[in-house]
């Protein structure tokens, strides 16, 4: 009889376990989200950067043929169809001169220097539709160095263009720490070859 009770208990226990295992009910609601871990607090979103300008271009180095030599004034014109009326109203043209032609001494224009003989010489530039015009002015007759070269960078306005676009371009360059008088900073900022 003892074995019958043991077998009966074994069968009842097996039936109870089977009943519990096979019971299915509805799935309950999801529990609350857990607390953040100890990895730190989420940071704040950064502000948007300024729009880039992939249309910035630089001319090749140009050897000028001045309209006059050994004179107090000379000029040189260079044609570029990218200098449109729209560009002149909204873009920025930066110009540089390399007095050695070797990339060693590069100055932003306008630029003025004094010769050993006391003669003061100024280089300047402006643009007309389709043309960059460089000039030099001297107190006494001056002949520009035959090895000197000129170059310019065209920075068109991006986004919404306005009469103030050129000022915005210069402001944004200054804001990010680019000195437009430093040829290498400008070229590096825009990813242009020296």
Protein backbone atom coordinates (compact mmCIF):
# COMPACT_ATOMS: atom_id res chain seq x y z
CA UNK A 1 0.00 0.00 0.00
CA UNK A 2 2.89 2.21 0.67
CA UNK A 3 4.01 1.95 -2.92
CA UNK A 4 0.51 2.69 -4.16
CA UNK A 5 0.39 5.93 -2.14
CA UNK A 6 3.85 6.86 -3.33
CA UNK A 7 2.83 6.26 -6.91
CA UNK A 8 -0.39 8.18 -6.38
CA UNK A 9 1.54 11.13 -4.87
CA UNK A 10 3.96 11.01 -7.76
CA UNK A 11 1.08 11.10 -10.28
CA UNK A 12 -0.66 13.98 -8.43
CA UNK A 13 2.58 15.95 -8.21
CA UNK A 14 3.20 15.36 -11.91
CA UNK A 15 -0.36 16.50 -12.75
CA UNK A 16 0.00 19.68 -10.68
CA UNK A 17 3.36 20.55 -12.29
CA UNK A 18 1.94 19.87 -15.76
CA UNK A 19 -1.09 22.06 -15.00
CA UNK A 20 1.10 24.97 -13.89
CA UNK A 21 3.47 24.64 -16.83
CA UNK A 22 0.70 24.45 -19.41
CA UNK A 23 -1.31 27.40 -18.05
CA UNK A 24 -1.36 30.38 -20.35
CA UNK A 25 -2.82 33.75 -19.63
CA UNK A 26 -2.83 37.13 -21.27
CA UNK A 27 0.47 39.01 -21.46
CA UNK A 28 0.54 41.83 -18.97
CA UNK A 29 1.44 45.47 -19.74
CA UNK A 30 5.10 46.49 -20.16
CA UNK A 31 6.82 47.58 -17.03
CA UNK A 32 8.20 51.10 -16.51
CA UNK A 33 11.50 52.09 -18.17
CA UNK A 34 14.56 51.58 -16.08
CA UNK A 35 16.72 54.45 -14.81
CA UNK A 36 19.71 55.65 -16.88
CA UNK A 37 22.90 53.85 -16.18
CA UNK A 38 25.90 55.46 -14.53
CA UNK A 39 27.57 56.36 -17.85
CA UNK A 40 26.78 60.07 -17.48
CA UNK A 41 24.10 62.53 -18.46
CA UNK A 42 23.14 63.01 -22.10
CA UNK A 43 24.67 66.19 -23.56
CA UNK A 44 22.78 68.97 -25.28
CA UNK A 45 22.53 69.15 -29.05
CA UNK A 46 25.07 71.46 -30.69
CA UNK A 47 24.08 74.38 -32.86
CA UNK A 48 24.07 74.06 -36.64
CA UNK A 49 27.21 75.19 -38.42
CA UNK A 50 27.28 77.73 -41.20
CA UNK A 51 26.54 76.60 -44.72
CA UNK A 52 29.61 75.60 -46.67
CA UNK A 53 30.52 76.86 -50.09
CA UNK A 54 31.77 74.23 -52.51
CA UNK A 55 31.86 76.73 -55.39
CA UNK A 56 34.93 78.62 -54.17
CA UNK A 57 37.66 78.61 -56.81
CA UNK A 58 41.14 80.02 -57.18
CA UNK A 59 42.83 81.10 -60.38
CA UNK A 60 46.19 79.76 -61.40
CA UNK A 61 49.18 81.98 -60.68
CA UNK A 62 49.22 84.62 -63.40
CA UNK A 63 52.31 86.42 -64.68
CA UNK A 64 51.12 89.96 -65.38
CA UNK A 65 52.01 91.97 -68.45
CA UNK A 66 51.70 95.51 -67.12
CA UNK A 67 50.46 98.31 -69.38
CA UNK A 68 53.50 100.37 -68.41
CA UNK A 69 56.90 99.78 -66.86
CA UNK A 70 59.21 102.33 -65.32
CA UNK A 71 56.16 104.53 -64.75
CA UNK A 72 54.10 105.82 -61.83
CA UNK A 73 51.03 103.83 -62.92
CA UNK A 74 50.49 100.47 -64.58
CA UNK A 75 47.60 98.07 -64.89
CA UNK A 76 46.86 94.54 -66.01
CA UNK A 77 43.51 92.96 -66.95
CA UNK A 78 42.69 89.26 -66.74
CA UNK A 79 39.49 87.82 -68.21
CA UNK A 80 37.30 85.38 -66.24
CA UNK A 81 33.71 84.66 -67.29
CA UNK A 82 32.86 83.62 -63.70
CA UNK A 83 32.96 87.30 -62.70
CA UNK A 84 29.36 88.05 -63.60
CA UNK A 85 27.22 91.00 -62.53
CA UNK A 86 25.57 88.68 -59.97
CA UNK A 87 28.97 87.68 -58.56
CA UNK A 88 30.09 91.32 -58.38
CA UNK A 89 26.95 92.21 -56.38
CA UNK A 90 27.01 89.27 -53.96
CA UNK A 91 30.39 87.50 -53.99
CA UNK A 92 33.90 88.24 -52.75
CA UNK A 93 37.10 88.35 -54.79
CA UNK A 94 40.34 88.16 -52.82
CA UNK A 95 43.60 88.89 -54.60
CA UNK A 96 47.19 88.08 -53.74
CA UNK A 97 50.62 88.95 -55.14
CA UNK A 98 53.75 86.83 -54.95
CA UNK A 99 56.67 89.21 -55.46
CA UNK A 100 59.20 86.40 -55.87
CA UNK A 101 57.12 84.05 -58.01
CA UNK A 102 58.36 81.26 -55.72
CA UNK A 103 55.47 81.14 -53.22
CA UNK A 104 57.66 82.52 -50.45
CA UNK A 105 56.39 86.10 -50.01
CA UNK A 106 52.67 86.39 -50.69
CA UNK A 107 50.70 89.50 -49.79
CA UNK A 108 47.00 90.24 -49.90
CA UNK A 109 45.97 93.20 -52.03
CA UNK A 110 45.69 96.09 -51.57
CA UNK A 111 49.32 96.27 -50.46
CA UNK A 112 51.75 99.20 -50.12
CA UNK A 113 55.49 99.09 -49.59
CA UNK A 114 58.42 101.47 -49.66
CA UNK A 115 61.51 100.93 -51.78
CA UNK A 116 64.99 101.65 -50.47
CA UNK A 117 65.09 104.84 -52.52
CA UNK A 118 62.03 106.22 -50.68
CA UNK A 119 59.58 105.46 -53.49
CA UNK A 120 56.21 104.22 -52.19
CA UNK A 121 54.40 101.68 -54.36
CA UNK A 122 50.82 100.47 -53.93
CA UNK A 123 49.18 97.49 -55.59
CA UNK A 124 45.41 97.30 -55.79
CA UNK A 125 42.69 95.50 -57.77
CA UNK A 126 39.07 95.75 -58.73
CA UNK A 127 36.71 93.79 -60.91
CA UNK A 128 34.51 94.55 -63.83
CA UNK A 129 32.09 92.12 -65.46
CA UNK A 130 34.26 89.31 -66.78
CA UNK A 131 37.56 90.92 -65.75
CA UNK A 132 39.93 91.34 -62.82
CA UNK A 133 41.91 94.58 -63.08
CA UNK A 134 45.15 95.06 -61.12
CA UNK A 135 46.95 98.38 -60.81
CA UNK A 136 50.08 99.76 -59.26
CA UNK A 137 50.66 103.36 -58.23
CA UNK A 138 54.09 104.75 -57.38
CA UNK A 139 55.48 108.08 -56.16
CA UNK A 140 58.22 107.85 -58.78
CA UNK A 141 58.84 105.60 -61.77
CA UNK A 142 58.60 101.91 -60.84
CA UNK A 143 59.12 98.66 -62.72
CA UNK A 144 57.38 95.64 -61.16
CA UNK A 145 59.53 92.57 -60.54
CA UNK A 146 59.46 90.44 -63.69
CA UNK A 147 59.05 87.28 -61.55
CA UNK A 148 56.01 88.51 -59.65
CA UNK A 149 52.72 86.65 -60.02
CA UNK A 150 49.09 87.42 -59.23
CA UNK A 151 46.28 85.14 -58.09
CA UNK A 152 42.69 85.56 -56.98
CA UNK A 153 40.05 83.57 -55.11
CA UNK A 154 36.37 83.77 -56.07
CA UNK A 155 33.95 83.21 -53.18
CA UNK A 156 30.37 83.26 -54.46
CA UNK A 157 27.47 83.81 -52.09
CA UNK A 158 25.66 80.66 -51.05
CA UNK A 159 22.06 80.32 -49.97
CA UNK A 160 19.89 83.41 -50.12
CA UNK A 161 21.76 86.15 -51.97
CA UNK A 162 21.36 89.77 -51.02
CA UNK A 163 23.18 93.07 -51.33
CA UNK A 164 24.87 92.20 -48.01
CA UNK A 165 26.06 88.74 -49.08
CA UNK A 166 29.67 89.86 -49.57
CA UNK A 167 29.70 91.34 -46.05
CA UNK A 168 28.25 88.10 -44.65
CA UNK A 169 31.00 86.08 -46.38
CA UNK A 170 33.70 88.28 -44.83
CA UNK A 171 31.97 88.22 -41.43
CA UNK A 172 31.73 84.41 -41.46
CA UNK A 173 35.40 84.06 -42.38
CA UNK A 174 36.37 86.37 -39.54
CA UNK A 175 34.04 84.53 -37.13
CA UNK A 176 35.77 81.20 -37.78
CA UNK A 177 39.20 82.81 -37.42
CA UNK A 178 40.25 83.04 -41.08
CA UNK A 179 42.35 86.14 -41.78
CA UNK A 180 41.71 87.04 -45.42
CA UNK A 181 45.10 88.76 -45.52
CA UNK A 182 46.76 85.40 -44.82
CA UNK A 183 46.89 83.58 -48.15
CA UNK A 184 47.60 80.19 -46.58
CA UNK A 185 44.70 80.41 -44.11
CA UNK A 186 42.25 81.20 -46.91
CA UNK A 187 43.53 78.39 -49.11
CA UNK A 188 43.48 75.88 -46.24
CA UNK A 189 39.99 76.90 -45.13
CA UNK A 190 38.54 76.31 -48.58
CA UNK A 191 40.68 73.26 -49.32
CA UNK A 192 42.40 74.92 -52.30
CA UNK A 193 45.91 74.09 -53.52
CA UNK A 194 48.62 76.65 -52.91
